[in-house]
Amino acid sequence: MNSIRYSRATVALLCVVGLLAVAGTAGAFTVSTEGDVPNETAVGSEVSVTYVIDDPYTDVPSEWTLDGETELENVSWSVEVRDRGSVVYDETYGEQSFTQTMNGEGAQDGDEVRITLEGTVPAVETYTYEPPEQYTVANLARVTGSNENEFRNDSAHHYTEDSREARQAINASQQAVADAPGDNSDAKAQLDRAISAYEAEDFDNAVSLAEDAEQQAEQAQQSQQTTQTLLYAAGAVVLLLLVGGGGFYLYSKSQEDDYSKL
């Protein structure tokens, strides 16, 4: 009888713990995006991305400041607060950075915040092959007093058509040089010159140098393959001579034996 009572108590306790665990994880400050943030973009192209904050006042103070920054140009920010799907507050900003007070007990009370950013990809200030040139798409932070919590920081590679062509040529050359046998110092030196030309924004020359390096690497690889083929052929000739010589010896031996019997 006591064991039945204890079993029931254990089941009840587990149910309570399970309910508390579900309640604890049912809602929390989380951030997602609608669609993907671009990994790379052409200079001058348009970018649009929407960040969605769910439960903006769960497990955080009821009042905090939303800070946003971007390196996009011709910027438009839209901050929209929704409660159960209905828009209860919205504000727009036209600068590269903005600050918005969020008050869960005021006009910004809701269960979702949508931040939509639109802008133009900026020009590349300094070209670097490695790491690739990056710009900040969006940096979003929650500020409470003197505490700043960066909850989103997205960046992307930006390029022009000329710089992209040069980078692709260098990438192909780099792979060819890596695959080529031996020291390949000439091809590597040419590849280094191509990277230097790229970083000096001399993209046509970078393409030419990268193609030269790739050609040298491919020639080295072909030379090795030719050498291997010749070695295999020489080995085959030696083997044939050995087999042929052995056969001739056996034939001669048999002829001598037949002659001696006569």
C-alpha atoms as a PDB file:
ATOM      1  CA  MET A   1       0.000   0.000   0.000  1.00  0.00           C
ATOM      2  CA  ASN A   2       2.829   2.371   0.909  1.00  0.00           C
ATOM      3  CA  SER A   3       4.656   1.556  -2.323  1.00  0.00           C
ATOM      4  CA  ILE A   4       1.562   2.508  -4.349  1.00  0.00           C
ATOM      5  CA  ARG A   5       1.323   5.806  -2.482  1.00  0.00           C
ATOM      6  CA  TYR A   6       5.028   6.524  -3.091  1.00  0.00           C
ATOM      7  CA  SER A   7       4.680   5.683  -6.784  1.00  0.00           C
ATOM      8  CA  ARG A   8       1.783   8.075  -7.165  1.00  0.00           C
ATOM      9  CA  ALA A   9       3.754  10.791  -5.375  1.00  0.00           C
ATOM     10  CA  THR A  10       6.751  10.198  -7.651  1.00  0.00           C
ATOM     11  CA  VAL A  11       4.583  10.456 -10.767  1.00  0.00           C
ATOM     12  CA  ALA A  12       3.001  13.666  -9.493  1.00  0.00           C
ATOM     13  CA  LEU A  13       6.422  15.154  -8.701  1.00  0.00           C
ATOM     14  CA  LEU A  14       7.715  14.294 -12.181  1.00  0.00           C
ATOM     15  CA  CYS A  15       4.670  15.930 -13.744  1.00  0.00           C
ATOM     16  CA  VAL A  16       5.254  19.110 -11.766  1.00  0.00           C
ATOM     17  CA  VAL A  17       8.931  19.173 -12.751  1.00  0.00           C
ATOM     18  CA  GLY A  18       7.972  18.617 -16.393  1.00  0.00           C
ATOM     19  CA  LEU A  19       5.440  21.454 -16.314  1.00  0.00           C
ATOM     20  CA  LEU A  20       7.979  23.791 -14.742  1.00  0.00           C
ATOM     21  CA  ALA A  21      10.545  22.876 -17.384  1.00  0.00           C
ATOM     22  CA  VAL A  22       8.057  23.554 -20.164  1.00  0.00           C
ATOM     23  CA  ALA A  23       7.015  26.828 -18.573  1.00  0.00           C
ATOM     24  CA  GLY A  24      10.660  27.853 -18.240  1.00  0.00           C
ATOM     25  CA  THR A  25      11.377  27.281 -21.925  1.00  0.00           C
ATOM     26  CA  ALA A  26       8.047  28.318 -23.380  1.00  0.00           C
ATOM     27  CA  GLY A  27       9.214  31.824 -24.078  1.00  0.00           C
ATOM     28  CA  ALA A  28      12.608  33.496 -24.193  1.00  0.00           C
ATOM     29  CA  PHE A  29      14.316  36.358 -25.990  1.00  0.00           C
ATOM     30  CA  THR A  30      15.287  34.822 -29.355  1.00  0.00           C
ATOM     31  CA  VAL A  31      16.305  36.296 -32.707  1.00  0.00           C
ATOM     32  CA  SER A  32      15.847  34.891 -36.203  1.00  0.00           C
ATOM     33  CA  THR A  33      15.724  36.195 -39.764  1.00  0.00           C
ATOM     34  CA  GLU A  34      13.190  35.961 -42.528  1.00  0.00           C
ATOM     35  CA  GLY A  35      15.235  34.472 -45.354  1.00  0.00           C
ATOM     36  CA  ASP A  36      19.016  34.292 -45.398  1.00  0.00           C
ATOM     37  CA  VAL A  37      21.458  37.098 -44.761  1.00  0.00           C
ATOM     38  CA  PRO A  38      23.646  37.282 -47.913  1.00  0.00           C
ATOM     39  CA  ASN A  39      27.194  35.926 -47.699  1.00  0.00           C
ATOM     40  CA  GLU A  40      28.459  38.049 -50.590  1.00  0.00           C
ATOM     41  CA  THR A  41      27.053  40.961 -52.545  1.00  0.00           C
ATOM     42  CA  ALA A  42      28.050  43.165 -55.461  1.00  0.00           C
ATOM     43  CA  VAL A  43      28.922  46.783 -54.750  1.00  0.00           C
ATOM     44  CA  GLY A  44      25.896  48.968 -55.469  1.00  0.00           C
ATOM     45  CA  SER A  45      23.355  46.151 -55.197  1.00  0.00           C
ATOM     46  CA  GLU A  46      20.349  46.324 -52.875  1.00  0.00           C
ATOM     47  CA  VAL A  47      20.103  44.365 -49.631  1.00  0.00           C
ATOM     48  CA  SER A  48      16.957  43.742 -47.608  1.00  0.00           C
ATOM     49  CA  VAL A  49      16.813  41.649 -44.451  1.00  0.00           C
ATOM     50  CA  THR A  50      14.268  41.316 -41.643  1.00  0.00           C
ATOM     51  CA  TYR A  51      15.219  40.316 -38.088  1.00  0.00           C
ATOM     52  CA  VAL A  52      12.503  38.956 -35.814  1.00  0.00           C
ATOM     53  CA  ILE A  53      12.771  39.120 -32.011  1.00  0.00           C
ATOM     54  CA  ASP A  54      10.383  36.756 -30.246  1.00  0.00           C
ATOM     55  CA  ASP A  55       9.421  37.415 -26.608  1.00  0.00           C
ATOM     56  CA  PRO A  56      11.427  40.659 -26.372  1.00  0.00           C
ATOM     57  CA  TYR A  57      10.674  41.104 -22.648  1.00  0.00           C
ATOM     58  CA  THR A  58      11.061  37.520 -21.441  1.00  0.00           C
ATOM     59  CA  ASP A  59      14.047  36.864 -19.177  1.00  0.00           C
ATOM     60  CA  VAL A  60      15.204  40.462 -19.747  1.00  0.00           C
ATOM     61  CA  PRO A  61      14.316  43.822 -18.126  1.00  0.00           C
ATOM     62  CA  SER A  62      10.966  45.280 -19.153  1.00  0.00           C
ATOM     63  CA  GLU A  63      12.744  48.372 -20.455  1.00  0.00           C
ATOM     64  CA  TRP A  64      15.857  48.336 -22.617  1.00  0.00           C
ATOM     65  CA  THR A  65      17.349  50.119 -25.603  1.00  0.00           C
ATOM     66  CA  LEU A  66      17.630  48.647 -29.088  1.00  0.00           C
ATOM     67  CA  ASP A  67      20.763  49.796 -30.938  1.00  0.00           C
ATOM     68  CA  GLY A  68      21.277  49.131 -34.639  1.00  0.00           C
ATOM     69  CA  GLU A  69      24.233  49.837 -36.931  1.00  0.00           C
ATOM     70  CA  THR A  70      25.061  49.058 -40.561  1.00  0.00           C
ATOM     71  CA  GLU A  71      27.624  49.947 -43.216  1.00  0.00           C
ATOM     72  CA  LEU A  72      24.989  49.811 -45.939  1.00  0.00           C
ATOM     73  CA  GLU A  73      24.283  53.125 -47.637  1.00  0.00           C
ATOM     74  CA  ASN A  74      20.971  54.879 -48.447  1.00  0.00           C
ATOM     75  CA  VAL A  75      19.637  53.126 -45.384  1.00  0.00           C
ATOM     76  CA  SER A  76      16.093  52.546 -44.193  1.00  0.00           C
ATOM     77  CA  TRP A  77      15.318  50.874 -40.850  1.00  0.00           C
ATOM     78  CA  SER A  78      11.806  49.889 -39.860  1.00  0.00           C
ATOM     79  CA  VAL A  79      11.113  48.843 -36.246  1.00  0.00           C
ATOM     80  CA  GLU A  80       7.699  47.255 -35.816  1.00  0.00           C
ATOM     81  CA  VAL A  81       6.246  45.849 -32.578  1.00  0.00           C
ATOM     82  CA  ARG A  82       3.487  43.269 -32.839  1.00  0.00           C
ATOM     83  CA  ASP A  83       1.258  41.699 -30.245  1.00  0.00           C
ATOM     84  CA  ARG A  84      -0.499  38.488 -31.258  1.00  0.00           C
ATOM     85  CA  GLY A  85      -0.008  39.397 -34.897  1.00  0.00           C
ATOM     86  CA  SER A  86      -1.337  42.962 -34.702  1.00  0.00           C
ATOM     87  CA  VAL A  87       0.971  45.970 -35.147  1.00  0.00           C
ATOM     88  CA  VAL A  88       0.956  48.068 -31.974  1.00  0.00           C
ATOM     89  CA  TYR A  89       3.957  50.310 -32.689  1.00  0.00           C
ATOM     90  CA  ASP A  90       6.223  51.169 -35.613  1.00  0.00           C
ATOM     91  CA  GLU A  91       9.037  53.607 -36.276  1.00  0.00           C
ATOM     92  CA  THR A  92      11.422  54.255 -39.180  1.00  0.00           C
ATOM     93  CA  TYR A  93      14.983  55.584 -39.327  1.00  0.00           C
ATOM     94  CA  GLY A  94      17.100  56.764 -42.254  1.00  0.00           C
ATOM     95  CA  GLU A  95      20.619  56.780 -40.804  1.00  0.00           C
ATOM     96  CA  GLN A  96      23.270  54.072 -40.607  1.00  0.00           C
ATOM     97  CA  SER A  97      22.659  53.780 -36.870  1.00  0.00           C
ATOM     98  CA  PHE A  98      19.618  54.211 -34.661  1.00  0.00           C
ATOM     99  CA  THR A  99      18.534  53.916 -31.034  1.00  0.00           C
ATOM    100  CA  GLN A 100      15.038  52.858 -29.979  1.00  0.00           C
ATOM    101  CA  THR A 101      13.739  52.612 -26.413  1.00  0.00           C
ATOM    102  CA  MET A 102      11.803  49.393 -25.847  1.00  0.00           C
ATOM    103  CA  ASN A 103       9.291  49.420 -22.978  1.00  0.00           C
ATOM    104  CA  GLY A 104       7.291  46.317 -22.176  1.00  0.00           C
ATOM    105  CA  GLU A 105       4.987  48.343 -19.989  1.00  0.00           C
ATOM    106  CA  GLY A 106       4.495  51.142 -22.502  1.00  0.00           C
ATOM    107  CA  ALA A 107       3.749  51.701 -26.187  1.00  0.00           C
ATOM    108  CA  GLN A 108       6.266  49.062 -27.292  1.00  0.00           C
ATOM    109  CA  ASP A 109       4.620  46.228 -25.365  1.00  0.00           C
ATOM    110  CA  GLY A 110       4.233  43.146 -27.543  1.00  0.00           C
ATOM    111  CA  ASP A 111       5.406  39.592 -28.129  1.00  0.00           C
ATOM    112  CA  GLU A 112       7.384  40.245 -31.329  1.00  0.00           C
ATOM    113  CA  VAL A 113       9.684  42.931 -32.721  1.00  0.00           C
ATOM    114  CA  ARG A 114      10.441  43.038 -36.444  1.00  0.00           C
ATOM    115  CA  ILE A 115      13.456  45.027 -37.656  1.00  0.00           C
ATOM    116  CA  THR A 116      13.610  45.461 -41.416  1.00  0.00           C
ATOM    117  CA  LEU A 117      16.780  46.878 -42.921  1.00  0.00           C
ATOM    118  CA  GLU A 118      17.190  48.017 -46.527  1.00  0.00           C
ATOM    119  CA  GLY A 119      20.215  49.631 -48.121  1.00  0.00           C
ATOM    120  CA  THR A 120      22.863  49.684 -50.831  1.00  0.00           C
ATOM    121  CA  VAL A 121      26.119  47.699 -50.646  1.00  0.00           C
ATOM    122  CA  PRO A 122      29.032  50.116 -50.051  1.00  0.00           C
ATOM    123  CA  ALA A 123      32.191  50.412 -52.132  1.00  0.00           C
ATOM    124  CA  VAL A 124      35.298  48.488 -51.066  1.00  0.00           C
ATOM    125  CA  GLU A 125      37.738  50.770 -49.287  1.00  0.00           C
ATOM    126  CA  THR A 126      40.705  48.368 -49.130  1.00  0.00           C
ATOM    127  CA  TYR A 127      41.088  45.193 -51.162  1.00  0.00           C
ATOM    128  CA  THR A 128      42.499  42.189 -49.320  1.00  0.00           C
ATOM    129  CA  TYR A 129      42.657  38.720 -50.794  1.00  0.00           C
ATOM    130  CA  GLU A 130      42.820  36.996 -47.424  1.00  0.00           C
ATOM    131  CA  PRO A 131      40.666  37.568 -45.508  1.00  0.00           C
ATOM    132  CA  PRO A 132      38.109  38.628 -48.149  1.00  0.00           C
ATOM    133  CA  GLU A 133      36.765  42.175 -47.962  1.00  0.00           C
ATOM    134  CA  GLN A 134      33.848  42.423 -45.524  1.00  0.00           C
ATOM    135  CA  TYR A 135      31.287  45.025 -44.549  1.00  0.00           C
ATOM    136  CA  THR A 136      28.780  45.035 -41.692  1.00  0.00           C
ATOM    137  CA  VAL A 137      25.273  44.181 -42.838  1.00  0.00           C
ATOM    138  CA  ALA A 138      23.761  44.691 -39.404  1.00  0.00           C
ATOM    139  CA  ASN A 139      24.864  44.892 -35.800  1.00  0.00           C
ATOM    140  CA  LEU A 140      22.044  44.735 -33.254  1.00  0.00           C
ATOM    141  CA  ALA A 141      22.426  45.103 -29.506  1.00  0.00           C
ATOM    142  CA  ARG A 142      20.231  45.207 -26.405  1.00  0.00           C
ATOM    143  CA  VAL A 143      21.427  47.867 -23.943  1.00  0.00           C
ATOM    144  CA  THR A 144      20.362  47.983 -20.321  1.00  0.00           C
ATOM    145  CA  GLY A 145      22.063  50.686 -18.280  1.00  0.00           C
ATOM    146  CA  SER A 146      25.788  50.239 -18.877  1.00  0.00           C
ATOM    147  CA  ASN A 147      25.404  46.647 -20.057  1.00  0.00           C
ATOM    148  CA  GLU A 148      25.377  45.978 -23.793  1.00  0.00           C
ATOM    149  CA  ASN A 149      24.390  42.585 -25.176  1.00  0.00           C
ATOM    150  CA  GLU A 150      25.145  42.184 -28.874  1.00  0.00           C
ATOM    151  CA  PHE A 151      22.617  39.639 -30.081  1.00  0.00           C
ATOM    152  CA  ARG A 152      23.244  39.842 -33.829  1.00  0.00           C
ATOM    153  CA  ASN A 153      26.290  40.713 -35.930  1.00  0.00           C
ATOM    154  CA  ASP A 154      26.168  39.885 -39.648  1.00  0.00           C
ATOM    155  CA  SER A 155      28.761  40.713 -42.273  1.00  0.00           C
ATOM    156  CA  ALA A 156      29.178  39.891 -45.964  1.00  0.00           C
ATOM    157  CA  HIS A 157      31.857  39.890 -48.635  1.00  0.00           C
ATOM    158  CA  HIS A 158      31.459  42.658 -51.221  1.00  0.00           C
ATOM    159  CA  TYR A 159      33.035  42.871 -54.651  1.00  0.00           C
ATOM    160  CA  THR A 160      33.011  44.463 -58.087  1.00  0.00           C
ATOM    161  CA  GLU A 161      32.835  42.413 -61.278  1.00  0.00           C
ATOM    162  CA  ASP A 162      36.544  43.051 -61.925  1.00  0.00           C
ATOM    163  CA  SER A 163      37.620  42.104 -58.416  1.00  0.00           C
ATOM    164  CA  ARG A 164      35.450  38.996 -58.500  1.00  0.00           C
ATOM    165  CA  GLU A 165      37.007  37.843 -61.788  1.00  0.00           C
ATOM    166  CA  ALA A 166      40.500  38.389 -60.365  1.00  0.00           C
ATOM    167  CA  ARG A 167      39.663  36.527 -57.151  1.00  0.00           C
ATOM    168  CA  GLN A 168      38.262  33.572 -59.089  1.00  0.00           C
ATOM    169  CA  ALA A 169      41.404  33.434 -61.251  1.00  0.00           C
ATOM    170  CA  ILE A 170      43.616  33.481 -58.144  1.00  0.00           C
ATOM    171  CA  ASN A 171      41.502  30.784 -56.483  1.00  0.00           C
ATOM    172  CA  ALA A 172      41.887  28.518 -59.523  1.00  0.00           C
ATOM    173  CA  SER A 173      45.616  29.206 -59.671  1.00  0.00           C
ATOM    174  CA  GLN A 174      46.027  28.517 -55.968  1.00  0.00           C
ATOM    175  CA  GLN A 175      44.373  25.123 -56.332  1.00  0.00           C
ATOM    176  CA  ALA A 176      46.525  24.241 -59.354  1.00  0.00           C
ATOM    177  CA  VAL A 177      49.724  25.221 -57.522  1.00  0.00           C
ATOM    178  CA  ALA A 178      48.667  23.188 -54.473  1.00  0.00           C
ATOM    179  CA  ASP A 179      48.006  20.111 -56.652  1.00  0.00           C
ATOM    180  CA  ALA A 180      51.239  20.402 -58.638  1.00  0.00           C
ATOM    181  CA  PRO A 181      54.177  18.198 -57.609  1.00  0.00           C
ATOM    182  CA  GLY A 182      57.544  19.345 -56.335  1.00  0.00           C
ATOM    183  CA  ASP A 183      58.697  22.717 -55.125  1.00  0.00           C
ATOM    184  CA  ASN A 184      57.056  24.743 -57.909  1.00  0.00           C
ATOM    185  CA  SER A 185      58.748  27.920 -56.692  1.00  0.00           C
ATOM    186  CA  ASP A 186      58.215  29.776 -59.975  1.00  0.00           C
ATOM    187  CA  ALA A 187      54.473  29.165 -59.983  1.00  0.00           C
ATOM    188  CA  LYS A 188      54.198  30.110 -56.308  1.00  0.00           C
ATOM    189  CA  ALA A 189      56.114  33.346 -56.904  1.00  0.00           C
ATOM    190  CA  GLN A 190      53.811  34.193 -59.803  1.00  0.00           C
ATOM    191  CA  LEU A 191      50.799  33.489 -57.612  1.00  0.00           C
ATOM    192  CA  ASP A 192      52.146  35.847 -54.942  1.00  0.00           C
ATOM    193  CA  ARG A 193      52.526  38.544 -57.606  1.00  0.00           C
ATOM    194  CA  ALA A 194      48.912  37.985 -58.659  1.00  0.00           C
ATOM    195  CA  ILE A 195      47.722  38.485 -55.066  1.00  0.00           C
ATOM    196  CA  SER A 196      49.813  41.642 -54.732  1.00  0.00           C
ATOM    197  CA  ALA A 197      48.326  42.984 -57.972  1.00  0.00           C
ATOM    198  CA  TYR A 198      44.829  42.172 -56.667  1.00  0.00           C
ATOM    199  CA  GLU A 199      45.405  44.082 -53.441  1.00  0.00           C
ATOM    200  CA  ALA A 200      46.757  47.001 -55.485  1.00  0.00           C
ATOM    201  CA  GLU A 201      43.446  46.962 -57.437  1.00  0.00           C
ATOM    202  CA  ASP A 202      45.313  46.042 -60.653  1.00  0.00           C
ATOM    203  CA  PHE A 203      42.757  43.363 -61.463  1.00  0.00           C
ATOM    204  CA  ASP A 204      43.611  42.795 -65.135  1.00  0.00           C
ATOM    205  CA  ASN A 205      47.234  42.158 -64.227  1.00  0.00           C
ATOM    206  CA  ALA A 206      46.142  39.932 -61.332  1.00  0.00           C
ATOM    207  CA  VAL A 207      44.148  37.762 -63.740  1.00  0.00           C
ATOM    208  CA  SER A 208      47.091  37.516 -66.163  1.00  0.00           C
ATOM    209  CA  LEU A 209      49.582  36.609 -63.426  1.00  0.00           C
ATOM    210  CA  ALA A 210      47.208  34.068 -61.887  1.00  0.00           C
ATOM    211  CA  GLU A 211      46.683  32.398 -65.251  1.00  0.00           C
ATOM    212  CA  ASP A 212      50.475  32.241 -65.761  1.00  0.00           C
ATOM    213  CA  ALA A 213      50.902  30.622 -62.355  1.00  0.00           C
ATOM    214  CA  GLU A 214      48.161  28.114 -63.103  1.00  0.00           C
ATOM    215  CA  GLN A 215      49.736  27.262 -66.474  1.00  0.00           C
ATOM    216  CA  GLN A 216      53.155  26.736 -64.893  1.00  0.00           C
ATOM    217  CA  ALA A 217      51.634  24.465 -62.251  1.00  0.00           C
ATOM    218  CA  GLU A 218      49.763  22.444 -64.869  1.00  0.00           C
ATOM    219  CA  GLN A 219      52.934  22.100 -66.958  1.00  0.00           C
ATOM    220  CA  ALA A 220      54.796  20.804 -63.908  1.00  0.00           C
ATOM    221  CA  GLN A 221      52.043  18.274 -63.325  1.00  0.00           C
ATOM    222  CA  GLN A 222      52.061  17.202 -66.985  1.00  0.00           C
ATOM    223  CA  SER A 223      55.862  16.911 -66.911  1.00  0.00           C
ATOM    224  CA  GLN A 224      55.662  14.599 -63.916  1.00  0.00           C
ATOM    225  CA  GLN A 225      52.988  12.506 -65.614  1.00  0.00           C
ATOM    226  CA  THR A 226      55.138  12.279 -68.756  1.00  0.00           C
ATOM    227  CA  THR A 227      58.151  11.219 -66.693  1.00  0.00           C
ATOM    228  CA  GLN A 228      56.088   8.569 -64.935  1.00  0.00           C
ATOM    229  CA  THR A 229      54.772   7.302 -68.272  1.00  0.00           C
ATOM    230  CA  LEU A 230      58.311   7.040 -69.662  1.00  0.00           C
ATOM    231  CA  LEU A 231      59.470   5.186 -66.564  1.00  0.00           C
ATOM    232  CA  TYR A 232      56.557   2.779 -66.824  1.00  0.00           C
ATOM    233  CA  ALA A 233      57.334   2.259 -70.532  1.00  0.00           C
ATOM    234  CA  ALA A 234      61.024   1.651 -69.790  1.00  0.00           C
ATOM    235  CA  GLY A 235      60.087  -0.825 -67.107  1.00  0.00           C
ATOM    236  CA  ALA A 236      57.790  -2.633 -69.507  1.00  0.00           C
ATOM    237  CA  VAL A 237      60.569  -2.833 -72.134  1.00  0.00           C
ATOM    238  CA  VAL A 238      62.995  -4.265 -69.580  1.00  0.00           C
ATOM    239  CA  LEU A 239      60.392  -6.810 -68.511  1.00  0.00           C
ATOM    240  CA  LEU A 240      59.769  -7.843 -72.117  1.00  0.00           C
ATOM    241  CA  LEU A 241      63.503  -8.217 -72.706  1.00  0.00           C
ATOM    242  CA  LEU A 242      63.843 -10.371 -69.611  1.00  0.00           C
ATOM    243  CA  VAL A 243      60.883 -12.530 -70.590  1.00  0.00           C
ATOM    244  CA  GLY A 244      62.100 -12.763 -74.184  1.00  0.00           C
ATOM    245  CA  GLY A 245      65.644 -13.561 -73.110  1.00  0.00           C
ATOM    246  CA  GLY A 246      64.438 -16.219 -70.726  1.00  0.00           C
ATOM    247  CA  GLY A 247      62.285 -17.769 -73.418  1.00  0.00           C
ATOM    248  CA  PHE A 248      65.160 -17.803 -75.906  1.00  0.00           C
ATOM    249  CA  TYR A 249      67.428 -19.412 -73.315  1.00  0.00           C
ATOM    250  CA  LEU A 250      64.921 -22.183 -72.620  1.00  0.00           C
ATOM    251  CA  TYR A 251      64.416 -22.741 -76.336  1.00  0.00           C
ATOM    252  CA  SER A 252      68.171 -22.945 -76.949  1.00  0.00           C
ATOM    253  CA  LYS A 253      68.567 -25.329 -74.021  1.00  0.00           C
ATOM    254  CA  SER A 254      65.890 -27.636 -75.363  1.00  0.00           C
ATOM    255  CA  GLN A 255      67.517 -27.641 -78.790  1.00  0.00           C
ATOM    256  CA  GLU A 256      70.879 -28.610 -77.281  1.00  0.00           C
ATOM    257  CA  ASP A 257      69.254 -31.445 -75.344  1.00  0.00           C
ATOM    258  CA  ASP A 258      67.584 -32.789 -78.508  1.00  0.00           C
ATOM    259  CA  TYR A 259      70.890 -32.619 -80.390  1.00  0.00           C
ATOM    260  CA  SER A 260      72.762 -34.466 -77.639  1.00  0.00           C
ATOM    261  CA  LYS A 261      70.194 -37.303 -77.755  1.00  0.00           C
ATOM    262  CA  LEU A 262      70.900 -37.777 -81.421  1.00  0.00           C
END
